[in-house]
């Protein structure tokens, strides 16, 4: 059984208590949805990096504190490198200074 550290509970809990909630650090478009083209809106809604390796994700402690948090997880090994509270910048994932994903903007102003 995999254990995931919840930064709010400050303890490791079984993975069954958590739910994946998508890629982290996705910014809402600057434009209003009515002012966006269909292509811009679909890019914001559906397109994600889905890359191999270290990846910033959002997780929900559904059967615990009910809080959302961010995590950097290696998608190849399925190992969680670090977890951190919503609104915080990603801390260094490991002593090897693995490159963490930067916040990115989608759609909107260019």
N, C-alpha and C. Protein backbone atom coordinates (compact mmCIF):
# COMPACT_ATOMS: atom_id res chain seq x y z
N UNK A 1 0.84 -1.17 0.00
CA UNK A 1 0.00 0.00 0.00
C UNK A 1 0.89 1.24 0.00
N UNK A 2 0.54 2.20 -0.87
CA UNK A 2 1.28 3.44 -0.94
C UNK A 2 0.75 4.40 0.13
N UNK A 3 1.68 5.11 0.79
CA UNK A 3 1.32 6.12 1.76
C UNK A 3 1.63 7.49 1.16
N UNK A 4 0.70 8.42 1.33
CA UNK A 4 0.84 9.78 0.81
C UNK A 4 0.84 10.75 1.98
N UNK A 5 1.80 11.65 1.98
CA UNK A 5 1.89 12.64 3.05
C UNK A 5 0.91 13.78 2.78
N UNK A 6 0.02 14.05 3.74
CA UNK A 6 -0.89 15.19 3.64
C UNK A 6 -0.25 16.37 4.38
N UNK A 7 0.00 17.49 3.69
CA UNK A 7 0.65 18.62 4.35
C UNK A 7 -0.24 19.32 5.37
N UNK A 8 -1.54 19.07 5.35
CA UNK A 8 -2.45 19.67 6.32
C UNK A 8 -2.56 18.81 7.57
N UNK A 9 -2.71 17.51 7.39
CA UNK A 9 -2.76 16.58 8.52
C UNK A 9 -1.37 16.36 9.12
N UNK A 10 -0.35 16.62 8.30
CA UNK A 10 1.06 16.42 8.66
C UNK A 10 1.35 14.98 9.06
N UNK A 11 0.81 14.06 8.25
CA UNK A 11 1.09 12.64 8.45
C UNK A 11 0.87 11.89 7.15
N UNK A 12 1.45 10.71 7.06
CA UNK A 12 1.26 9.86 5.88
C UNK A 12 0.01 9.01 6.10
N UNK A 13 -0.80 8.95 5.04
CA UNK A 13 -2.06 8.21 5.10
C UNK A 13 -2.14 7.29 3.89
N UNK A 14 -2.96 6.23 3.97
CA UNK A 14 -3.09 5.29 2.83
C UNK A 14 -3.66 5.98 1.59
N UNK A 15 -3.17 5.57 0.44
CA UNK A 15 -3.58 6.18 -0.83
C UNK A 15 -5.09 6.13 -1.05
N UNK A 16 -5.78 5.18 -0.46
CA UNK A 16 -7.23 5.04 -0.66
C UNK A 16 -8.00 6.26 -0.14
N UNK A 17 -7.36 7.04 0.74
CA UNK A 17 -8.00 8.24 1.29
C UNK A 17 -7.95 9.43 0.33
N UNK A 18 -7.18 9.33 -0.74
CA UNK A 18 -6.91 10.46 -1.62
C UNK A 18 -7.51 10.27 -3.00
N UNK A 19 -7.74 11.39 -3.67
CA UNK A 19 -8.21 11.36 -5.06
C UNK A 19 -7.36 12.33 -5.88
N UNK A 20 -6.93 11.87 -7.05
CA UNK A 20 -6.18 12.71 -7.97
C UNK A 20 -7.11 13.80 -8.49
N UNK A 21 -6.61 15.03 -8.57
CA UNK A 21 -7.47 16.15 -8.99
C UNK A 21 -6.87 16.95 -10.14
N UNK A 22 -5.96 16.36 -10.89
CA UNK A 22 -5.45 17.01 -12.09
C UNK A 22 -4.09 17.65 -11.93
N UNK A 23 -3.63 18.24 -13.01
CA UNK A 23 -2.32 18.91 -13.03
C UNK A 23 -2.37 20.16 -12.16
N UNK A 24 -1.31 20.43 -11.44
CA UNK A 24 -1.25 21.60 -10.57
C UNK A 24 -0.78 22.83 -11.34
N UNK A 25 -1.04 23.97 -10.78
CA UNK A 25 -0.55 25.27 -11.26
C UNK A 25 -1.10 25.64 -12.63
N UNK A 26 -2.35 25.28 -12.90
CA UNK A 26 -3.03 25.70 -14.12
C UNK A 26 -3.73 27.02 -13.80
N UNK A 27 -3.39 28.07 -14.52
CA UNK A 27 -3.99 29.38 -14.28
C UNK A 27 -5.20 29.56 -15.18
N UNK A 28 -6.22 30.15 -14.61
CA UNK A 28 -7.41 30.47 -15.42
C UNK A 28 -7.04 31.50 -16.48
N UNK A 29 -7.70 31.45 -17.62
CA UNK A 29 -7.40 32.42 -18.68
C UNK A 29 -7.70 33.85 -18.22
N UNK A 30 -6.96 34.79 -18.79
CA UNK A 30 -7.17 36.20 -18.48
C UNK A 30 -8.50 36.66 -19.08
N UNK A 31 -8.80 36.17 -20.26
CA UNK A 31 -10.03 36.54 -20.95
C UNK A 31 -11.24 35.87 -20.29
N UNK A 32 -12.40 36.49 -20.43
CA UNK A 32 -13.65 35.89 -20.01
C UNK A 32 -13.98 34.77 -21.00
N UNK A 33 -14.64 33.73 -20.54
CA UNK A 33 -14.95 32.58 -21.40
C UNK A 33 -15.72 33.00 -22.65
N UNK A 34 -16.57 34.00 -22.53
CA UNK A 34 -17.35 34.45 -23.69
C UNK A 34 -16.48 35.13 -24.75
N UNK A 35 -15.31 35.64 -24.34
CA UNK A 35 -14.43 36.34 -25.27
C UNK A 35 -13.35 35.43 -25.87
N UNK A 36 -13.34 34.16 -25.48
CA UNK A 36 -12.32 33.23 -25.96
C UNK A 36 -12.83 32.48 -27.18
N UNK A 37 -11.90 32.11 -28.04
CA UNK A 37 -12.28 31.26 -29.18
C UNK A 37 -12.51 29.84 -28.66
N UNK A 38 -13.16 29.03 -29.43
CA UNK A 38 -13.37 27.64 -29.05
C UNK A 38 -12.04 26.92 -28.85
N UNK A 39 -11.06 27.25 -29.69
CA UNK A 39 -9.74 26.62 -29.57
C UNK A 39 -9.06 27.00 -28.25
N UNK A 40 -9.10 28.29 -27.89
CA UNK A 40 -8.51 28.73 -26.63
C UNK A 40 -9.20 28.07 -25.43
N UNK A 41 -10.52 28.01 -25.47
CA UNK A 41 -11.27 27.43 -24.35
C UNK A 41 -11.01 25.93 -24.23
N UNK A 42 -11.00 25.22 -25.34
CA UNK A 42 -10.76 23.78 -25.27
C UNK A 42 -9.33 23.49 -24.82
N UNK A 43 -8.37 24.36 -25.21
CA UNK A 43 -6.99 24.18 -24.75
C UNK A 43 -6.94 24.31 -23.22
N UNK A 44 -7.60 25.32 -22.66
CA UNK A 44 -7.63 25.51 -21.21
C UNK A 44 -8.33 24.34 -20.51
N UNK A 45 -9.42 23.90 -21.04
CA UNK A 45 -10.23 22.87 -20.37
C UNK A 45 -9.64 21.46 -20.46
N UNK A 46 -9.03 21.10 -21.58
CA UNK A 46 -8.73 19.70 -21.81
C UNK A 46 -7.25 19.35 -22.01
N UNK A 47 -6.42 20.25 -22.46
CA UNK A 47 -5.04 19.89 -22.79
C UNK A 47 -4.13 20.04 -21.58
N UNK A 48 -3.41 18.97 -21.27
CA UNK A 48 -2.47 18.96 -20.15
C UNK A 48 -1.17 18.33 -20.62
N UNK A 49 -0.10 18.56 -19.86
CA UNK A 49 1.21 18.07 -20.25
C UNK A 49 1.30 16.55 -20.26
N UNK A 50 0.86 15.88 -19.20
CA UNK A 50 0.89 14.42 -19.12
C UNK A 50 2.26 13.86 -19.48
N UNK A 51 3.29 14.46 -18.88
CA UNK A 51 4.65 14.07 -19.23
C UNK A 51 5.19 12.97 -18.32
N UNK A 52 6.24 12.32 -18.77
CA UNK A 52 6.94 11.31 -17.97
C UNK A 52 7.90 12.01 -17.04
N UNK A 53 8.05 11.47 -15.83
CA UNK A 53 9.00 12.04 -14.89
C UNK A 53 8.31 12.86 -13.81
N UNK A 54 9.05 13.82 -13.24
CA UNK A 54 8.52 14.64 -12.15
C UNK A 54 7.42 15.56 -12.68
N UNK A 55 6.29 15.55 -11.99
CA UNK A 55 5.09 16.22 -12.48
C UNK A 55 4.33 16.81 -11.31
N UNK A 56 3.99 18.11 -11.37
CA UNK A 56 3.21 18.74 -10.30
C UNK A 56 1.74 18.41 -10.49
N UNK A 57 1.13 17.90 -9.43
CA UNK A 57 -0.26 17.47 -9.48
C UNK A 57 -1.03 18.04 -8.29
N UNK A 58 -2.34 18.09 -8.44
CA UNK A 58 -3.23 18.49 -7.36
C UNK A 58 -3.90 17.22 -6.83
N UNK A 59 -3.96 17.09 -5.51
CA UNK A 59 -4.59 15.93 -4.87
C UNK A 59 -5.60 16.40 -3.84
N UNK A 60 -6.59 15.56 -3.57
CA UNK A 60 -7.64 15.87 -2.61
C UNK A 60 -7.65 14.79 -1.54
N UNK A 61 -7.56 15.20 -0.27
CA UNK A 61 -7.63 14.25 0.84
C UNK A 61 -9.11 14.03 1.17
N UNK A 62 -9.77 13.30 0.29
CA UNK A 62 -11.22 13.14 0.32
C UNK A 62 -11.73 12.45 1.59
N UNK A 63 -11.03 11.45 2.06
CA UNK A 63 -11.48 10.71 3.23
C UNK A 63 -10.63 11.03 4.45
N UNK A 64 -10.23 12.28 4.54
CA UNK A 64 -9.42 12.74 5.67
C UNK A 64 -9.83 14.15 6.02
N UNK A 65 -8.92 15.09 5.85
CA UNK A 65 -9.17 16.49 6.21
C UNK A 65 -10.01 17.23 5.17
N UNK A 66 -10.25 16.62 4.01
CA UNK A 66 -11.06 17.19 2.93
C UNK A 66 -10.40 18.40 2.27
N UNK A 67 -9.08 18.50 2.35
CA UNK A 67 -8.36 19.63 1.78
C UNK A 67 -7.65 19.21 0.49
N UNK A 68 -7.51 20.17 -0.43
CA UNK A 68 -6.72 19.98 -1.64
C UNK A 68 -5.29 20.41 -1.35
N UNK A 69 -4.33 19.72 -1.97
CA UNK A 69 -2.92 20.09 -1.84
C UNK A 69 -2.22 19.74 -3.13
N UNK A 70 -1.00 20.22 -3.27
CA UNK A 70 -0.19 19.93 -4.45
C UNK A 70 0.89 18.91 -4.09
N UNK A 71 1.32 18.19 -5.09
CA UNK A 71 2.38 17.21 -4.91
C UNK A 71 3.23 17.15 -6.17
N UNK A 72 4.49 16.84 -6.00
CA UNK A 72 5.35 16.52 -7.14
C UNK A 72 5.54 15.01 -7.08
N UNK A 73 5.10 14.34 -8.15
CA UNK A 73 5.15 12.88 -8.21
C UNK A 73 5.87 12.48 -9.48
N UNK A 74 6.70 11.47 -9.39
CA UNK A 74 7.36 10.93 -10.57
C UNK A 74 6.39 9.95 -11.21
N UNK A 75 5.99 10.23 -12.45
CA UNK A 75 4.98 9.41 -13.11
C UNK A 75 5.53 8.08 -13.61
N UNK A 76 6.84 7.92 -13.62
CA UNK A 76 7.45 6.65 -14.03
C UNK A 76 7.51 5.69 -12.84
N UNK A 77 7.99 6.19 -11.70
CA UNK A 77 8.15 5.34 -10.51
C UNK A 77 6.94 5.39 -9.59
N UNK A 78 6.03 6.35 -9.80
CA UNK A 78 4.85 6.58 -8.97
C UNK A 78 5.23 7.04 -7.56
N UNK A 79 6.44 7.55 -7.40
CA UNK A 79 6.91 7.99 -6.09
C UNK A 79 6.60 9.47 -5.89
N UNK A 80 6.03 9.80 -4.72
CA UNK A 80 5.80 11.19 -4.35
C UNK A 80 7.11 11.78 -3.84
N UNK A 81 7.56 12.86 -4.46
CA UNK A 81 8.82 13.50 -4.07
C UNK A 81 8.59 14.52 -2.97
N UNK A 82 7.48 15.25 -3.06
CA UNK A 82 7.16 16.28 -2.07
C UNK A 82 5.67 16.62 -2.16
N UNK A 83 5.09 17.00 -1.03
CA UNK A 83 3.72 17.52 -1.02
C UNK A 83 3.77 18.89 -0.36
N UNK A 84 2.86 19.77 -0.76
CA UNK A 84 2.84 21.12 -0.21
C UNK A 84 1.43 21.70 -0.31
N UNK A 85 1.14 22.65 0.57
CA UNK A 85 -0.19 23.23 0.65
C UNK A 85 -0.53 24.07 -0.58
N UNK A 86 -1.81 24.17 -0.86
CA UNK A 86 -2.28 25.01 -1.96
C UNK A 86 -1.82 26.45 -1.73
N UNK A 87 -1.46 27.12 -2.79
CA UNK A 87 -1.02 28.50 -2.70
C UNK A 87 0.46 28.66 -2.44
N UNK A 88 1.14 27.58 -2.07
CA UNK A 88 2.58 27.64 -1.84
C UNK A 88 3.33 27.30 -3.12
N UNK A 89 4.53 27.83 -3.24
CA UNK A 89 5.38 27.46 -4.37
C UNK A 89 5.96 26.08 -4.12
N UNK A 90 6.25 25.33 -5.17
CA UNK A 90 6.82 23.99 -4.97
C UNK A 90 8.19 24.08 -4.30
N UNK A 91 8.39 23.38 -3.19
CA UNK A 91 9.72 23.33 -2.59
C UNK A 91 10.63 22.44 -3.41
N UNK A 92 11.91 22.43 -3.10
CA UNK A 92 12.82 21.53 -3.80
C UNK A 92 12.41 20.10 -3.52
N UNK A 93 12.29 19.31 -4.58
CA UNK A 93 11.76 17.96 -4.46
C UNK A 93 12.74 17.00 -3.80
N UNK A 94 14.02 17.21 -4.03
CA UNK A 94 14.99 16.27 -3.49
C UNK A 94 16.36 16.92 -3.44
N UNK A 95 17.28 16.22 -2.84
CA UNK A 95 18.65 16.73 -2.75
C UNK A 95 19.27 16.88 -4.13
N UNK A 96 18.77 16.14 -5.10
CA UNK A 96 19.33 16.21 -6.45
C UNK A 96 18.80 17.43 -7.21
N UNK A 97 17.96 18.24 -6.55
CA UNK A 97 17.39 19.45 -7.16
C UNK A 97 16.68 19.15 -8.47
N UNK A 98 15.81 18.18 -8.43
CA UNK A 98 15.03 17.83 -9.62
C UNK A 98 14.29 19.07 -10.11
N UNK A 99 14.22 19.25 -11.40
CA UNK A 99 13.56 20.41 -11.97
C UNK A 99 12.06 20.31 -11.71
N UNK A 100 11.53 21.32 -11.03
CA UNK A 100 10.11 21.34 -10.73
C UNK A 100 9.38 22.13 -11.80
N UNK A 101 8.15 21.77 -12.08
CA UNK A 101 7.41 22.48 -13.11
C UNK A 101 7.11 23.91 -12.67
N UNK A 102 7.24 24.84 -13.58
CA UNK A 102 6.90 26.23 -13.30
C UNK A 102 5.42 26.43 -13.54
N UNK A 103 4.86 27.40 -12.85
CA UNK A 103 3.45 27.72 -13.08
C UNK A 103 3.31 28.17 -14.53
N UNK A 104 2.23 27.77 -15.16
CA UNK A 104 2.06 28.14 -16.55
C UNK A 104 0.70 28.77 -16.77
N UNK A 105 0.62 29.59 -17.77
CA UNK A 105 -0.63 30.25 -18.11
C UNK A 105 -1.17 29.61 -19.36
N UNK A 106 -2.50 29.51 -19.41
CA UNK A 106 -3.12 28.92 -20.60
C UNK A 106 -4.11 29.92 -21.17
N UNK A 107 -4.19 29.96 -22.48
CA UNK A 107 -5.15 30.82 -23.15
C UNK A 107 -4.91 32.29 -22.82
N UNK A 108 -5.88 33.13 -23.14
CA UNK A 108 -5.82 34.53 -22.75
C UNK A 108 -4.73 35.32 -23.44
N UNK A 109 -4.20 36.31 -22.72
CA UNK A 109 -3.23 37.23 -23.30
C UNK A 109 -1.96 36.52 -23.75
N UNK A 110 -1.35 37.07 -24.77
CA UNK A 110 -0.14 36.47 -25.31
C UNK A 110 1.06 37.29 -24.99
